[in-house]
């Protein structure tokens, strides 16, 4: 597990506060922090998952709302939001293939 200085922790908390993340993020934010992901995902609260290139934040809020259990599973063992999204998208693709069969 990575270690962070007090200054890193304070900066991360300020980034979360500055990003105006809703209460919906609380559980996944805590789980991510336990895995060493202390900074928020990239993107703004105005980003949309329907954008041509959605931000991490847009994709994650969609997962929080639509597939929270899959998101929690994706956070487990991940060390970055990029890893979380890679796992999440792979799991969604796998689910879609099962439904299509």
C-alpha atoms as a PDB file:
ATOM      1  CA  UNK A   1       0.000   0.000   0.000  1.00  0.00           C
ATOM      2  CA  UNK A   2       1.199   3.472  -0.816  1.00  0.00           C
ATOM      3  CA  UNK A   3       1.826   5.889   1.972  1.00  0.00           C
ATOM      4  CA  UNK A   4       0.851   9.521   1.833  1.00  0.00           C
ATOM      5  CA  UNK A   5       2.065  12.521   3.752  1.00  0.00           C
ATOM      6  CA  UNK A   6      -0.251  14.687   5.791  1.00  0.00           C
ATOM      7  CA  UNK A   7       0.069  17.325   3.063  1.00  0.00           C
ATOM      8  CA  UNK A   8      -1.070  14.768   0.429  1.00  0.00           C
ATOM      9  CA  UNK A   9      -4.087  13.856   2.555  1.00  0.00           C
ATOM     10  CA  UNK A  10      -5.049  17.502   3.089  1.00  0.00           C
ATOM     11  CA  UNK A  11      -4.647  18.237  -0.634  1.00  0.00           C
ATOM     12  CA  UNK A  12      -6.802  15.231  -1.535  1.00  0.00           C
ATOM     13  CA  UNK A  13      -9.546  16.265   0.884  1.00  0.00           C
ATOM     14  CA  UNK A  14      -9.463  19.787  -0.537  1.00  0.00           C
ATOM     15  CA  UNK A  15      -9.735  18.404  -4.091  1.00  0.00           C
ATOM     16  CA  UNK A  16     -12.829  16.419  -3.093  1.00  0.00           C
ATOM     17  CA  UNK A  17     -14.327  19.523  -1.460  1.00  0.00           C
ATOM     18  CA  UNK A  18     -13.472  21.746  -4.425  1.00  0.00           C
ATOM     19  CA  UNK A  19     -15.056  19.256  -6.834  1.00  0.00           C
ATOM     20  CA  UNK A  20     -18.409  19.520  -5.090  1.00  0.00           C
ATOM     21  CA  UNK A  21     -18.999  15.768  -4.977  1.00  0.00           C
ATOM     22  CA  UNK A  22     -22.466  14.764  -3.804  1.00  0.00           C
ATOM     23  CA  UNK A  23     -23.278  12.454  -0.921  1.00  0.00           C
ATOM     24  CA  UNK A  24     -23.665   9.640  -3.494  1.00  0.00           C
ATOM     25  CA  UNK A  25     -19.866   9.394  -3.611  1.00  0.00           C
ATOM     26  CA  UNK A  26     -19.357   8.751   0.109  1.00  0.00           C
ATOM     27  CA  UNK A  27     -19.248   4.931   0.077  1.00  0.00           C
ATOM     28  CA  UNK A  28     -17.084   4.535  -3.018  1.00  0.00           C
ATOM     29  CA  UNK A  29     -14.796   7.382  -1.933  1.00  0.00           C
ATOM     30  CA  UNK A  30     -14.191   5.615   1.376  1.00  0.00           C
ATOM     31  CA  UNK A  31     -13.588   2.255  -0.296  1.00  0.00           C
ATOM     32  CA  UNK A  32     -11.190   3.863  -2.776  1.00  0.00           C
ATOM     33  CA  UNK A  33      -9.256   5.566   0.028  1.00  0.00           C
ATOM     34  CA  UNK A  34      -8.828   2.194   1.750  1.00  0.00           C
ATOM     35  CA  UNK A  35      -7.164   1.030  -1.482  1.00  0.00           C
ATOM     36  CA  UNK A  36      -4.864   4.073  -1.634  1.00  0.00           C
ATOM     37  CA  UNK A  37      -6.926   6.156  -4.069  1.00  0.00           C
ATOM     38  CA  UNK A  38      -7.235   9.365  -2.102  1.00  0.00           C
ATOM     39  CA  UNK A  39      -7.650  11.950  -4.860  1.00  0.00           C
ATOM     40  CA  UNK A  40     -10.949  12.316  -6.730  1.00  0.00           C
ATOM     41  CA  UNK A  41     -11.379  11.143 -10.325  1.00  0.00           C
ATOM     42  CA  UNK A  42     -10.751  13.554 -13.168  1.00  0.00           C
ATOM     43  CA  UNK A  43     -13.615  15.575 -14.534  1.00  0.00           C
ATOM     44  CA  UNK A  44     -16.157  18.077 -13.296  1.00  0.00           C
ATOM     45  CA  UNK A  45     -19.645  17.775 -11.899  1.00  0.00           C
ATOM     46  CA  UNK A  46     -20.962  19.063 -15.220  1.00  0.00           C
ATOM     47  CA  UNK A  47     -19.544  16.168 -17.260  1.00  0.00           C
ATOM     48  CA  UNK A  48     -21.974  13.713 -18.797  1.00  0.00           C
ATOM     49  CA  UNK A  49     -21.512  10.015 -19.490  1.00  0.00           C
ATOM     50  CA  UNK A  50     -23.046  10.563 -22.927  1.00  0.00           C
ATOM     51  CA  UNK A  51     -20.137  12.806 -23.950  1.00  0.00           C
ATOM     52  CA  UNK A  52     -18.016  11.545 -26.823  1.00  0.00           C
ATOM     53  CA  UNK A  53     -15.123  11.029 -24.400  1.00  0.00           C
ATOM     54  CA  UNK A  54     -16.668  10.901 -20.908  1.00  0.00           C
ATOM     55  CA  UNK A  55     -14.485  11.814 -17.965  1.00  0.00           C
ATOM     56  CA  UNK A  56     -13.636   9.413 -15.163  1.00  0.00           C
ATOM     57  CA  UNK A  57     -16.067  11.270 -12.960  1.00  0.00           C
ATOM     58  CA  UNK A  58     -18.914  10.934 -15.460  1.00  0.00           C
ATOM     59  CA  UNK A  59     -18.351   7.202 -15.896  1.00  0.00           C
ATOM     60  CA  UNK A  60     -18.061   6.635 -12.165  1.00  0.00           C
ATOM     61  CA  UNK A  61     -21.233   8.518 -11.238  1.00  0.00           C
ATOM     62  CA  UNK A  62     -23.106   6.418 -13.768  1.00  0.00           C
ATOM     63  CA  UNK A  63     -21.728   3.283 -12.138  1.00  0.00           C
ATOM     64  CA  UNK A  64     -22.641   4.600  -8.673  1.00  0.00           C
ATOM     65  CA  UNK A  65     -26.228   5.023  -9.842  1.00  0.00           C
ATOM     66  CA  UNK A  66     -26.626   2.003 -12.131  1.00  0.00           C
ATOM     67  CA  UNK A  67     -24.198  -0.716 -11.056  1.00  0.00           C
ATOM     68  CA  UNK A  68     -22.998   0.064  -7.520  1.00  0.00           C
ATOM     69  CA  UNK A  69     -22.088  -3.531  -6.623  1.00  0.00           C
ATOM     70  CA  UNK A  70     -20.051  -3.938  -9.791  1.00  0.00           C
ATOM     71  CA  UNK A  71     -18.290  -0.663  -9.018  1.00  0.00           C
ATOM     72  CA  UNK A  72     -17.463  -1.779  -5.475  1.00  0.00           C
ATOM     73  CA  UNK A  73     -16.013  -5.010  -6.868  1.00  0.00           C
ATOM     74  CA  UNK A  74     -13.968  -2.997  -9.366  1.00  0.00           C
ATOM     75  CA  UNK A  75     -12.505  -0.761  -6.664  1.00  0.00           C
ATOM     76  CA  UNK A  76     -11.293  -3.769  -4.672  1.00  0.00           C
ATOM     77  CA  UNK A  77      -7.604  -4.265  -5.402  1.00  0.00           C
ATOM     78  CA  UNK A  78      -7.376  -1.240  -7.699  1.00  0.00           C
ATOM     79  CA  UNK A  79      -4.758   1.442  -7.092  1.00  0.00           C
ATOM     80  CA  UNK A  80      -6.107   4.160  -9.397  1.00  0.00           C
ATOM     81  CA  UNK A  81      -9.371   5.342 -10.902  1.00  0.00           C
ATOM     82  CA  UNK A  82      -8.051   4.171 -14.279  1.00  0.00           C
ATOM     83  CA  UNK A  83      -7.722   0.632 -12.933  1.00  0.00           C
ATOM     84  CA  UNK A  84     -11.208   0.845 -11.431  1.00  0.00           C
ATOM     85  CA  UNK A  85     -12.668   1.872 -14.786  1.00  0.00           C
ATOM     86  CA  UNK A  86     -10.734  -0.800 -16.687  1.00  0.00           C
ATOM     87  CA  UNK A  87     -12.171  -3.473 -14.384  1.00  0.00           C
ATOM     88  CA  UNK A  88     -15.635  -1.952 -14.452  1.00  0.00           C
ATOM     89  CA  UNK A  89     -15.826  -1.733 -18.242  1.00  0.00           C
ATOM     90  CA  UNK A  90     -14.478  -5.275 -18.661  1.00  0.00           C
ATOM     91  CA  UNK A  91     -17.088  -6.591 -16.228  1.00  0.00           C
ATOM     92  CA  UNK A  92     -19.883  -4.702 -18.008  1.00  0.00           C
ATOM     93  CA  UNK A  93     -18.737  -6.095 -21.358  1.00  0.00           C
ATOM     94  CA  UNK A  94     -18.771  -9.601 -19.881  1.00  0.00           C
ATOM     95  CA  UNK A  95     -22.304  -9.087 -18.568  1.00  0.00           C
ATOM     96  CA  UNK A  96     -23.469  -7.821 -21.972  1.00  0.00           C
ATOM     97  CA  UNK A  97     -22.017 -10.898 -23.697  1.00  0.00           C
ATOM     98  CA  UNK A  98     -23.875 -13.167 -21.264  1.00  0.00           C
ATOM     99  CA  UNK A  99     -27.158 -11.375 -21.946  1.00  0.00           C
ATOM    100  CA  UNK A 100     -26.626 -11.553 -25.718  1.00  0.00           C
ATOM    101  CA  UNK A 101     -26.221 -15.336 -25.649  1.00  0.00           C
END
